[in-house]
Amino acid sequence: SIGFLGSHFSLMQAGGIALLFAAILLVQYRKGKRKLDIGVIWIIISAALFAAFQVASADLAKHITGATYLLLSYGGPTVIVGLVYARTIYRELPDLTKRLSHSLKAVLFAASTSFGYYVFSYFAYHQAPDAGVVVVLLTSQVVLSVLLGIVFMRERDNVPRKLAAGVLAFLAGALIKIG
């Protein structure tokens, strides 16, 4: 955000960013698991690419309409994945049709929430005086995802630590927004 969007963060916002980082680390911490395995490497690569996507999206939102943004950011990857994995998708379709009702519900829920994310993040980027702040605040979705996992996926391990991370992320968001 600083390098590509020209964002300037106050000391309070920098503290909020550090607090958010601490919340994310708290959520992923596992006692006795400090080894860098392939799963962690994929997560790091994914996080780096998502950060680059967010910064590019923040910049794009200032120059194009919401429709063009959605087509490029949502439709573009869909077409690419469809072309690259056409055979795999074709093989999976019969299994999905066997469980059509469940599959449709899951796909519609995932697609509509993903679509909503793109729409609302576009408007946040477009309307924000400093899109870099939006980029940082969207990062807090990691902690919110963990909290939603407690409720909807019944992930009950380390709930106090996850709740503490949620509180830290909320406080970080307040510092970043106020600062």
N, C-alpha and C. Protein backbone atom coordinates (compact mmCIF):
# COMPACT_ATOMS: atom_id res chain seq x y z
N SER A 1 0.82 -1.20 0.00
CA SER A 1 0.00 0.00 0.00
C SER A 1 0.85 1.26 0.00
N ILE A 2 1.92 1.23 0.76
CA ILE A 2 2.81 2.41 0.81
C ILE A 2 3.53 2.57 -0.53
N GLY A 3 4.08 1.48 -1.03
CA GLY A 3 4.86 1.54 -2.26
C GLY A 3 4.04 1.74 -3.52
N PHE A 4 2.88 1.12 -3.62
CA PHE A 4 2.13 1.15 -4.86
C PHE A 4 0.95 2.11 -4.85
N LEU A 5 0.39 2.38 -3.67
CA LEU A 5 -0.78 3.26 -3.60
C LEU A 5 -0.46 4.62 -3.01
N GLY A 6 0.78 4.77 -2.51
CA GLY A 6 1.16 6.04 -1.91
C GLY A 6 0.49 6.28 -0.56
N SER A 7 0.12 5.22 0.12
CA SER A 7 -0.53 5.36 1.42
C SER A 7 0.44 5.89 2.46
N HIS A 8 -0.10 6.62 3.39
CA HIS A 8 0.66 7.12 4.54
C HIS A 8 -0.08 6.68 5.79
N PHE A 9 0.62 5.99 6.66
CA PHE A 9 0.00 5.49 7.89
C PHE A 9 0.56 6.25 9.08
N SER A 10 -0.35 6.66 9.97
CA SER A 10 0.07 7.34 11.18
C SER A 10 0.68 6.32 12.14
N LEU A 11 1.25 6.81 13.22
CA LEU A 11 1.82 5.92 14.22
C LEU A 11 0.72 5.03 14.82
N MET A 12 -0.47 5.60 15.03
CA MET A 12 -1.58 4.81 15.58
C MET A 12 -1.99 3.72 14.59
N GLN A 13 -2.04 4.06 13.31
CA GLN A 13 -2.38 3.05 12.31
C GLN A 13 -1.31 1.98 12.22
N ALA A 14 -0.05 2.37 12.31
CA ALA A 14 1.04 1.39 12.30
C ALA A 14 0.91 0.44 13.49
N GLY A 15 0.53 1.00 14.64
CA GLY A 15 0.29 0.15 15.81
C GLY A 15 -0.87 -0.81 15.57
N GLY A 16 -1.92 -0.31 14.91
CA GLY A 16 -3.06 -1.16 14.56
C GLY A 16 -2.66 -2.27 13.60
N ILE A 17 -1.79 -1.94 12.64
CA ILE A 17 -1.31 -2.95 11.69
C ILE A 17 -0.51 -4.02 12.43
N ALA A 18 0.33 -3.58 13.35
CA ALA A 18 1.12 -4.53 14.15
C ALA A 18 0.20 -5.40 15.00
N LEU A 19 -0.85 -4.80 15.57
CA LEU A 19 -1.81 -5.55 16.38
C LEU A 19 -2.56 -6.56 15.51
N LEU A 20 -2.93 -6.16 14.31
CA LEU A 20 -3.60 -7.07 13.38
C LEU A 20 -2.69 -8.23 13.02
N PHE A 21 -1.43 -7.94 12.77
CA PHE A 21 -0.46 -8.99 12.48
C PHE A 21 -0.37 -9.96 13.66
N ALA A 22 -0.36 -9.42 14.88
CA ALA A 22 -0.30 -10.27 16.07
C ALA A 22 -1.54 -11.15 16.16
N ALA A 23 -2.71 -10.59 15.82
CA ALA A 23 -3.95 -11.36 15.85
C ALA A 23 -3.90 -12.52 14.85
N ILE A 24 -3.39 -12.24 13.67
CA ILE A 24 -3.28 -13.29 12.64
C ILE A 24 -2.31 -14.37 13.09
N LEU A 25 -1.18 -13.97 13.66
CA LEU A 25 -0.22 -14.95 14.17
C LEU A 25 -0.83 -15.77 15.30
N LEU A 26 -1.60 -15.12 16.17
CA LEU A 26 -2.23 -15.81 17.30
C LEU A 26 -3.21 -16.87 16.80
N VAL A 27 -3.96 -16.54 15.76
CA VAL A 27 -4.93 -17.48 15.20
C VAL A 27 -4.25 -18.71 14.64
N GLN A 28 -3.13 -18.55 13.95
CA GLN A 28 -2.49 -19.68 13.29
C GLN A 28 -1.50 -20.42 14.17
N TYR A 29 -1.17 -19.90 15.35
CA TYR A 29 -0.16 -20.52 16.21
C TYR A 29 -0.60 -21.90 16.69
N ARG A 30 0.28 -22.86 16.59
CA ARG A 30 0.04 -24.20 17.11
C ARG A 30 1.26 -24.57 17.95
N LYS A 31 1.00 -24.91 19.20
CA LYS A 31 2.08 -25.24 20.12
C LYS A 31 2.88 -26.44 19.60
N GLY A 32 4.19 -26.26 19.58
CA GLY A 32 5.07 -27.33 19.15
C GLY A 32 5.18 -27.48 17.64
N LYS A 33 4.51 -26.61 16.87
CA LYS A 33 4.54 -26.72 15.40
C LYS A 33 5.23 -25.50 14.82
N ARG A 34 6.52 -25.51 14.84
CA ARG A 34 7.27 -24.39 14.29
C ARG A 34 7.95 -24.76 12.97
N LYS A 35 7.76 -25.99 12.55
CA LYS A 35 8.40 -26.47 11.33
C LYS A 35 7.67 -25.92 10.11
N LEU A 36 8.46 -25.53 9.12
CA LEU A 36 7.92 -25.01 7.88
C LEU A 36 7.61 -26.18 6.95
N ASP A 37 6.33 -26.57 6.87
CA ASP A 37 5.97 -27.67 5.99
C ASP A 37 5.35 -27.12 4.70
N ILE A 38 5.01 -28.00 3.78
CA ILE A 38 4.52 -27.60 2.46
C ILE A 38 3.21 -26.81 2.57
N GLY A 39 2.37 -27.16 3.54
CA GLY A 39 1.11 -26.44 3.73
C GLY A 39 1.36 -24.98 4.08
N VAL A 40 2.32 -24.73 4.94
CA VAL A 40 2.65 -23.36 5.33
C VAL A 40 3.23 -22.60 4.14
N ILE A 41 4.03 -23.26 3.35
CA ILE A 41 4.60 -22.61 2.16
C ILE A 41 3.49 -22.20 1.20
N TRP A 42 2.50 -23.08 0.98
CA TRP A 42 1.36 -22.72 0.11
C TRP A 42 0.59 -21.54 0.69
N ILE A 43 0.43 -21.50 2.00
CA ILE A 43 -0.28 -20.40 2.65
C ILE A 43 0.47 -19.09 2.45
N ILE A 44 1.78 -19.12 2.61
CA ILE A 44 2.59 -17.91 2.44
C ILE A 44 2.50 -17.40 1.00
N ILE A 45 2.60 -18.31 0.03
CA ILE A 45 2.49 -17.91 -1.38
C ILE A 45 1.10 -17.34 -1.65
N SER A 46 0.08 -18.01 -1.15
CA SER A 46 -1.29 -17.54 -1.33
C SER A 46 -1.49 -16.17 -0.72
N ALA A 47 -0.99 -15.97 0.48
CA ALA A 47 -1.13 -14.68 1.16
C ALA A 47 -0.43 -13.57 0.40
N ALA A 48 0.75 -13.86 -0.11
CA ALA A 48 1.50 -12.85 -0.88
C ALA A 48 0.75 -12.48 -2.16
N LEU A 49 0.22 -13.49 -2.86
CA LEU A 49 -0.54 -13.21 -4.08
C LEU A 49 -1.83 -12.46 -3.77
N PHE A 50 -2.48 -12.82 -2.66
CA PHE A 50 -3.72 -12.11 -2.30
C PHE A 50 -3.43 -10.66 -1.92
N ALA A 51 -2.32 -10.43 -1.24
CA ALA A 51 -1.94 -9.05 -0.91
C ALA A 51 -1.70 -8.25 -2.18
N ALA A 52 -1.01 -8.85 -3.14
CA ALA A 52 -0.78 -8.17 -4.42
C ALA A 52 -2.10 -7.92 -5.15
N PHE A 53 -3.01 -8.88 -5.09
CA PHE A 53 -4.33 -8.71 -5.69
C PHE A 53 -5.09 -7.56 -5.04
N GLN A 54 -5.03 -7.48 -3.72
CA GLN A 54 -5.74 -6.40 -3.02
C GLN A 54 -5.18 -5.03 -3.41
N VAL A 55 -3.88 -4.90 -3.45
CA VAL A 55 -3.26 -3.62 -3.81
C VAL A 55 -3.61 -3.26 -5.26
N ALA A 56 -3.53 -4.24 -6.17
CA ALA A 56 -3.88 -3.98 -7.57
C ALA A 56 -5.35 -3.62 -7.69
N SER A 57 -6.21 -4.29 -6.92
CA SER A 57 -7.64 -4.00 -6.94
C SER A 57 -7.92 -2.59 -6.45
N ALA A 58 -7.22 -2.19 -5.40
CA ALA A 58 -7.40 -0.84 -4.86
C ALA A 58 -7.04 0.20 -5.92
N ASP A 59 -5.99 -0.06 -6.65
CA ASP A 59 -5.58 0.86 -7.71
C ASP A 59 -6.58 0.85 -8.87
N LEU A 60 -6.98 -0.34 -9.29
CA LEU A 60 -7.94 -0.47 -10.39
C LEU A 60 -9.27 0.22 -10.09
N ALA A 61 -9.73 0.09 -8.85
CA ALA A 61 -11.04 0.64 -8.48
C ALA A 61 -11.11 2.15 -8.67
N LYS A 62 -9.98 2.80 -8.65
CA LYS A 62 -9.95 4.25 -8.85
C LYS A 62 -10.09 4.62 -10.32
N HIS A 63 -9.90 3.67 -11.24
CA HIS A 63 -9.82 3.98 -12.66
C HIS A 63 -10.89 3.31 -13.53
N ILE A 64 -11.58 2.29 -13.02
CA ILE A 64 -12.57 1.58 -13.82
C ILE A 64 -13.89 1.46 -13.06
N THR A 65 -14.94 1.11 -13.79
CA THR A 65 -16.25 0.95 -13.15
C THR A 65 -16.31 -0.37 -12.39
N GLY A 66 -17.32 -0.49 -11.55
CA GLY A 66 -17.53 -1.73 -10.80
C GLY A 66 -17.75 -2.92 -11.71
N ALA A 67 -18.48 -2.72 -12.81
CA ALA A 67 -18.75 -3.81 -13.74
C ALA A 67 -17.47 -4.33 -14.38
N THR A 68 -16.62 -3.43 -14.81
CA THR A 68 -15.36 -3.84 -15.43
C THR A 68 -14.47 -4.51 -14.39
N TYR A 69 -14.43 -3.96 -13.19
CA TYR A 69 -13.64 -4.56 -12.12
C TYR A 69 -14.10 -5.98 -11.85
N LEU A 70 -15.42 -6.19 -11.72
CA LEU A 70 -15.93 -7.53 -11.44
C LEU A 70 -15.63 -8.49 -12.58
N LEU A 71 -15.77 -8.03 -13.80
CA LEU A 71 -15.49 -8.89 -14.95
C LEU A 71 -14.02 -9.33 -14.95
N LEU A 72 -13.13 -8.39 -14.68
CA LEU A 72 -11.70 -8.72 -14.69
C LEU A 72 -11.29 -9.57 -13.49
N SER A 73 -11.75 -9.20 -12.30
CA SER A 73 -11.26 -9.87 -11.10
C SER A 73 -12.00 -11.17 -10.79
N TYR A 74 -13.22 -11.30 -11.24
CA TYR A 74 -14.02 -12.47 -10.93
C TYR A 74 -14.15 -13.37 -12.15
N GLY A 75 -14.49 -12.77 -13.28
CA GLY A 75 -14.69 -13.54 -14.50
C GLY A 75 -13.40 -14.01 -15.13
N GLY A 76 -12.38 -13.17 -15.10
CA GLY A 76 -11.09 -13.54 -15.69
C GLY A 76 -10.53 -14.83 -15.11
N PRO A 77 -10.36 -14.90 -13.79
CA PRO A 77 -9.85 -16.14 -13.20
C PRO A 77 -10.77 -17.34 -13.46
N THR A 78 -12.08 -17.11 -13.52
CA THR A 78 -13.01 -18.19 -13.79
C THR A 78 -12.76 -18.79 -15.17
N VAL A 79 -12.60 -17.94 -16.16
CA VAL A 79 -12.33 -18.42 -17.52
C VAL A 79 -11.00 -19.16 -17.58
N ILE A 80 -9.98 -18.60 -16.95
CA ILE A 80 -8.65 -19.24 -16.96
C ILE A 80 -8.71 -20.61 -16.31
N VAL A 81 -9.32 -20.69 -15.13
CA VAL A 81 -9.43 -21.98 -14.44
C VAL A 81 -10.26 -22.95 -15.27
N GLY A 82 -11.35 -22.45 -15.86
CA GLY A 82 -12.19 -23.31 -16.71
C GLY A 82 -11.42 -23.90 -17.87
N LEU A 83 -10.57 -23.11 -18.48
CA LEU A 83 -9.78 -23.59 -19.61
C LEU A 83 -8.68 -24.56 -19.17
N VAL A 84 -7.97 -24.21 -18.11
CA VAL A 84 -6.85 -25.04 -17.65
C VAL A 84 -7.34 -26.37 -17.08
N TYR A 85 -8.45 -26.34 -16.36
CA TYR A 85 -8.94 -27.54 -15.68
C TYR A 85 -10.22 -28.09 -16.29
N ALA A 86 -10.45 -27.88 -17.57
CA ALA A 86 -11.69 -28.32 -18.22
C ALA A 86 -11.93 -29.82 -18.05
N ARG A 87 -10.91 -30.62 -18.22
CA ARG A 87 -11.08 -32.08 -18.09
C ARG A 87 -11.47 -32.47 -16.67
N THR A 88 -10.81 -31.88 -15.69
CA THR A 88 -11.12 -32.18 -14.29
C THR A 88 -12.55 -31.77 -13.97
N ILE A 89 -12.94 -30.60 -14.40
CA ILE A 89 -14.31 -30.12 -14.15
C ILE A 89 -15.31 -31.06 -14.81
N TYR A 90 -15.04 -31.46 -16.03
CA TYR A 90 -15.93 -32.36 -16.75
C TYR A 90 -16.08 -33.70 -16.01
N ARG A 91 -14.96 -34.21 -15.44
CA ARG A 91 -15.01 -35.46 -14.68
C ARG A 91 -15.79 -35.31 -13.38
N GLU A 92 -15.76 -34.14 -12.77
CA GLU A 92 -16.44 -33.94 -11.48
C GLU A 92 -17.93 -33.65 -11.62
N LEU A 93 -18.36 -33.21 -12.78
CA LEU A 93 -19.77 -32.85 -12.96
C LEU A 93 -20.75 -33.98 -12.66
N PRO A 94 -20.51 -35.23 -13.10
CA PRO A 94 -21.47 -36.29 -12.77
C PRO A 94 -21.65 -36.48 -11.26
N ASP A 95 -20.56 -36.41 -10.50
CA ASP A 95 -20.65 -36.56 -9.05
C ASP A 95 -21.46 -35.41 -8.44
N LEU A 96 -21.25 -34.20 -8.96
CA LEU A 96 -22.00 -33.06 -8.46
C LEU A 96 -23.49 -33.18 -8.77
N THR A 97 -23.82 -33.71 -9.93
CA THR A 97 -25.24 -33.84 -10.29
C THR A 97 -25.93 -34.91 -9.46
N LYS A 98 -25.17 -35.89 -8.97
CA LYS A 98 -25.78 -36.91 -8.10
C LYS A 98 -26.26 -36.28 -6.80
N ARG A 99 -25.55 -35.27 -6.35
CA ARG A 99 -25.91 -34.56 -5.13
C ARG A 99 -26.34 -33.14 -5.50
N LEU A 100 -27.20 -33.02 -6.48
CA LEU A 100 -27.53 -31.74 -7.10
C LEU A 100 -28.02 -30.70 -6.10
N SER A 101 -28.95 -31.08 -5.24
CA SER A 101 -29.51 -30.11 -4.28
C SER A 101 -28.42 -29.56 -3.36
N HIS A 102 -27.65 -30.45 -2.77
CA HIS A 102 -26.57 -30.03 -1.87
C HIS A 102 -25.52 -29.22 -2.63
N SER A 103 -25.15 -29.69 -3.82
CA SER A 103 -24.14 -29.00 -4.62
C SER A 103 -24.58 -27.59 -4.99
N LEU A 104 -25.85 -27.46 -5.42
CA LEU A 104 -26.35 -26.14 -5.80
C LEU A 104 -26.35 -25.17 -4.63
N LYS A 105 -26.79 -25.65 -3.47
CA LYS A 105 -26.80 -24.80 -2.28
C LYS A 105 -25.39 -24.33 -1.94
N ALA A 106 -24.46 -25.27 -1.93
CA ALA A 106 -23.07 -24.92 -1.59
C ALA A 106 -22.47 -23.97 -2.60
N VAL A 107 -22.69 -24.25 -3.89
CA VAL A 107 -22.13 -23.40 -4.94
C VAL A 107 -22.77 -22.01 -4.91
N LEU A 108 -24.07 -21.94 -4.76
CA LEU A 108 -24.74 -20.63 -4.72
C LEU A 108 -24.31 -19.82 -3.51
N PHE A 109 -24.17 -20.47 -2.36
CA PHE A 109 -23.71 -19.75 -1.18
C PHE A 109 -22.29 -19.24 -1.37
N ALA A 110 -21.40 -20.11 -1.82
CA ALA A 110 -20.00 -19.71 -2.02
C ALA A 110 -19.90 -18.62 -3.09
N ALA A 111 -20.60 -18.79 -4.18
CA ALA A 111 -20.52 -17.81 -5.27
C ALA A 111 -21.11 -16.47 -4.86
N SER A 112 -22.24 -16.48 -4.16
CA SER A 112 -22.86 -15.21 -3.79
C SER A 112 -22.04 -14.46 -2.73
N THR A 113 -21.46 -15.17 -1.79
CA THR A 113 -20.63 -14.48 -0.80
C THR A 113 -19.34 -13.98 -1.43
N SER A 114 -18.77 -14.76 -2.33
CA SER A 114 -17.57 -14.32 -3.03
C SER A 114 -17.88 -13.10 -3.91
N PHE A 115 -18.98 -13.16 -4.62
CA PHE A 115 -19.40 -12.03 -5.45
C PHE A 115 -19.63 -10.79 -4.58
N GLY A 116 -20.28 -10.99 -3.44
CA GLY A 116 -20.50 -9.87 -2.51
C GLY A 116 -19.18 -9.28 -2.03
N TYR A 117 -18.21 -10.14 -1.76
CA TYR A 117 -16.90 -9.65 -1.34
C TYR A 117 -16.31 -8.73 -2.41
N TYR A 118 -16.34 -9.18 -3.65
CA TYR A 118 -15.78 -8.38 -4.73
C TYR A 118 -16.53 -7.05 -4.89
N VAL A 119 -17.85 -7.08 -4.82
CA VAL A 119 -18.64 -5.85 -4.98
C VAL A 119 -18.34 -4.86 -3.86
N PHE A 120 -18.42 -5.33 -2.61
CA PHE A 120 -18.22 -4.41 -1.49
C PHE A 120 -16.78 -3.93 -1.37
N SER A 121 -15.82 -4.81 -1.69
CA SER A 121 -14.43 -4.35 -1.64
C SER A 121 -14.17 -3.33 -2.74
N TYR A 122 -14.77 -3.53 -3.91
CA TYR A 122 -14.62 -2.52 -4.98
C TYR A 122 -15.10 -1.16 -4.50
N PHE A 123 -16.29 -1.11 -3.93
CA PHE A 123 -16.83 0.18 -3.48
C PHE A 123 -16.02 0.76 -2.32
N ALA A 124 -15.50 -0.11 -1.47
CA ALA A 124 -14.63 0.37 -0.38
C ALA A 124 -13.37 1.00 -0.95
N TYR A 125 -12.75 0.32 -1.92
CA TYR A 125 -11.56 0.88 -2.56
C TYR A 125 -11.88 2.18 -3.28
N HIS A 126 -13.00 2.17 -3.99
CA HIS A 126 -13.38 3.31 -4.83
C HIS A 126 -13.70 4.56 -4.00
N GLN A 127 -14.35 4.36 -2.87
CA GLN A 127 -14.81 5.48 -2.06
C GLN A 127 -13.82 5.94 -1.00
N ALA A 128 -12.89 5.09 -0.64
CA ALA A 128 -11.97 5.41 0.47
C ALA A 128 -11.01 6.53 0.08
N PRO A 129 -10.77 7.46 1.02
CA PRO A 129 -9.76 8.48 0.74
C PRO A 129 -8.36 7.87 0.59
N ASP A 130 -8.09 6.79 1.31
CA ASP A 130 -6.81 6.08 1.18
C ASP A 130 -7.13 4.60 1.04
N ALA A 131 -7.07 4.11 -0.20
CA ALA A 131 -7.39 2.71 -0.47
C ALA A 131 -6.45 1.76 0.26
N GLY A 132 -5.26 2.22 0.61
CA GLY A 132 -4.32 1.39 1.35
C GLY A 132 -4.86 0.99 2.71
N VAL A 133 -5.65 1.86 3.32
CA VAL A 133 -6.28 1.53 4.61
C VAL A 133 -7.28 0.39 4.40
N VAL A 134 -8.01 0.43 3.29
CA VAL A 134 -8.97 -0.64 2.99
C VAL A 134 -8.23 -1.96 2.81
N VAL A 135 -7.11 -1.93 2.11
CA VAL A 135 -6.30 -3.13 1.91
C VAL A 135 -5.93 -3.74 3.26
N VAL A 136 -5.47 -2.92 4.17
CA VAL A 136 -5.06 -3.41 5.48
C VAL A 136 -6.25 -3.94 6.26
N LEU A 137 -7.36 -3.21 6.24
CA LEU A 137 -8.54 -3.66 6.99
C LEU A 137 -9.12 -4.96 6.43
N LEU A 138 -9.07 -5.14 5.12
CA LEU A 138 -9.57 -6.39 4.54
C LEU A 138 -8.76 -7.60 5.01
N THR A 139 -7.53 -7.38 5.42
CA THR A 139 -6.70 -8.45 5.92
C THR A 139 -7.29 -9.06 7.20
N SER A 140 -8.06 -8.26 7.93
CA SER A 140 -8.66 -8.77 9.17
C SER A 140 -9.68 -9.87 8.90
N GLN A 141 -10.03 -10.10 7.63
CA GLN A 141 -10.96 -11.16 7.31
C GLN A 141 -10.43 -12.53 7.73
N VAL A 142 -9.12 -12.65 7.86
CA VAL A 142 -8.52 -13.91 8.30
C VAL A 142 -9.07 -14.29 9.67
N VAL A 143 -9.06 -13.33 10.57
CA VAL A 143 -9.51 -13.61 11.93
C VAL A 143 -11.02 -13.83 11.94
N LEU A 144 -11.75 -13.04 11.17
CA LEU A 144 -13.21 -13.23 11.10
C LEU A 144 -13.54 -14.61 10.55
N SER A 145 -12.78 -15.08 9.58
CA SER A 145 -12.99 -16.43 9.03
C SER A 145 -12.81 -17.49 10.11
N VAL A 146 -11.82 -17.31 10.94
CA VAL A 146 -11.58 -18.27 12.03
C VAL A 146 -12.75 -18.24 13.01
N LEU A 147 -13.23 -17.05 13.34
CA LEU A 147 -14.37 -16.95 14.26
C LEU A 147 -15.63 -17.57 13.66
N LEU A 148 -15.85 -17.36 12.38
CA LEU A 148 -17.00 -17.99 11.71
C LEU A 148 -16.83 -19.51 11.67
N GLY A 149 -15.59 -19.98 11.57
CA GLY A 149 -15.33 -21.41 11.61
C GLY A 149 -15.74 -22.03 12.95
N ILE A 150 -15.58 -21.27 14.03
CA ILE A 150 -16.01 -21.74 15.35
C ILE A 150 -17.52 -21.96 15.34
N VAL A 151 -18.24 -21.02 14.76
CA VAL A 151 -19.71 -21.07 14.78
C VAL A 151 -20.25 -22.08 13.77
N PHE A 152 -19.84 -21.97 12.51
CA PHE A 152 -20.47 -22.75 11.46
C PHE A 152 -19.81 -24.09 11.17
N MET A 153 -18.52 -24.21 11.43
CA MET A 153 -17.82 -25.47 11.13
C MET A 153 -17.48 -26.24 12.40
N ARG A 154 -17.92 -25.70 13.53
CA ARG A 154 -17.72 -26.34 14.83
C ARG A 154 -16.25 -26.66 15.13
N GLU A 155 -15.36 -25.73 14.75
CA GLU A 155 -13.94 -25.88 15.04
C GLU A 155 -13.71 -25.41 16.47
N ARG A 156 -13.74 -26.33 17.40
CA ARG A 156 -13.72 -25.99 18.82
C ARG A 156 -12.33 -26.03 19.46
N ASP A 157 -11.30 -26.35 18.72
CA ASP A 157 -9.97 -26.38 19.33
C ASP A 157 -9.44 -24.95 19.49
N ASN A 158 -8.87 -24.68 20.62
CA ASN A 158 -8.24 -23.40 20.95
C ASN A 158 -9.18 -22.19 20.81
N VAL A 159 -10.42 -22.36 21.22
CA VAL A 159 -11.41 -21.28 21.10
C VAL A 159 -10.99 -20.03 21.87
N PRO A 160 -10.47 -20.12 23.10
CA PRO A 160 -10.07 -18.88 23.79
C PRO A 160 -9.02 -18.09 23.02
N ARG A 161 -8.05 -18.79 22.42
CA ARG A 161 -7.03 -18.11 21.65
C ARG A 161 -7.63 -17.46 20.41
N LYS A 162 -8.56 -18.14 19.77
CA LYS A 162 -9.22 -17.59 18.58
C LYS A 162 -10.07 -16.37 18.94
N LEU A 163 -10.76 -16.43 20.06
CA LEU A 163 -11.57 -15.28 20.50
C LEU A 163 -10.67 -14.10 20.86
N ALA A 164 -9.54 -14.38 21.51
CA ALA A 164 -8.59 -13.30 21.82
C ALA A 164 -8.08 -12.66 20.54
N ALA A 165 -7.80 -13.46 19.53
CA ALA A 165 -7.36 -12.92 18.24
C ALA A 165 -8.45 -12.06 17.62
N GLY A 166 -9.70 -12.47 17.78
CA GLY A 166 -10.82 -11.67 17.27
C GLY A 166 -10.89 -10.32 17.95
N VAL A 167 -10.69 -10.28 19.25
CA VAL A 167 -10.68 -9.01 19.97
C VAL A 167 -9.52 -8.14 19.51
N LEU A 168 -8.34 -8.75 19.37
CA LEU A 168 -7.17 -8.00 18.88
C LEU A 168 -7.43 -7.43 17.47
N ALA A 169 -8.03 -8.23 16.60
CA ALA A 169 -8.31 -7.76 15.24
C ALA A 169 -9.31 -6.61 15.25
N PHE A 170 -10.31 -6.69 16.13
CA PHE A 170 -11.28 -5.60 16.25
C PHE A 170 -10.60 -4.31 16.73
N LEU A 171 -9.75 -4.44 17.75
CA LEU A 171 -9.02 -3.28 18.25
C LEU A 171 -8.08 -2.72 17.17
N ALA A 172 -7.44 -3.63 16.43
CA ALA A 172 -6.54 -3.20 15.34
C ALA A 172 -7.32 -2.43 14.30
N GLY A 173 -8.49 -2.93 13.92
CA GLY A 173 -9.33 -2.24 12.95
C GLY A 173 -9.73 -0.86 13.41
N ALA A 174 -10.04 -0.75 14.70
CA ALA A 174 -10.40 0.57 15.25
C ALA A 174 -9.21 1.53 15.19
N LEU A 175 -8.03 1.05 15.56
CA LEU A 175 -6.83 1.90 15.49
C LEU A 175 -6.52 2.33 14.06
N ILE A 176 -6.65 1.40 13.14
CA ILE A 176 -6.34 1.71 11.74
C ILE A 176 -7.36 2.71 11.19
N LYS A 177 -8.62 2.53 11.51
CA LYS A 177 -9.67 3.42 11.02
C LYS A 177 -9.58 4.80 11.64
N ILE A 178 -9.37 4.86 12.96
CA ILE A 178 -9.33 6.15 13.68
C ILE A 178 -8.07 6.93 13.32
N GLY A 179 -6.93 6.19 13.25
CA GLY A 179 -5.61 6.81 13.06
C GLY A 179 -5.52 7.58 11.80
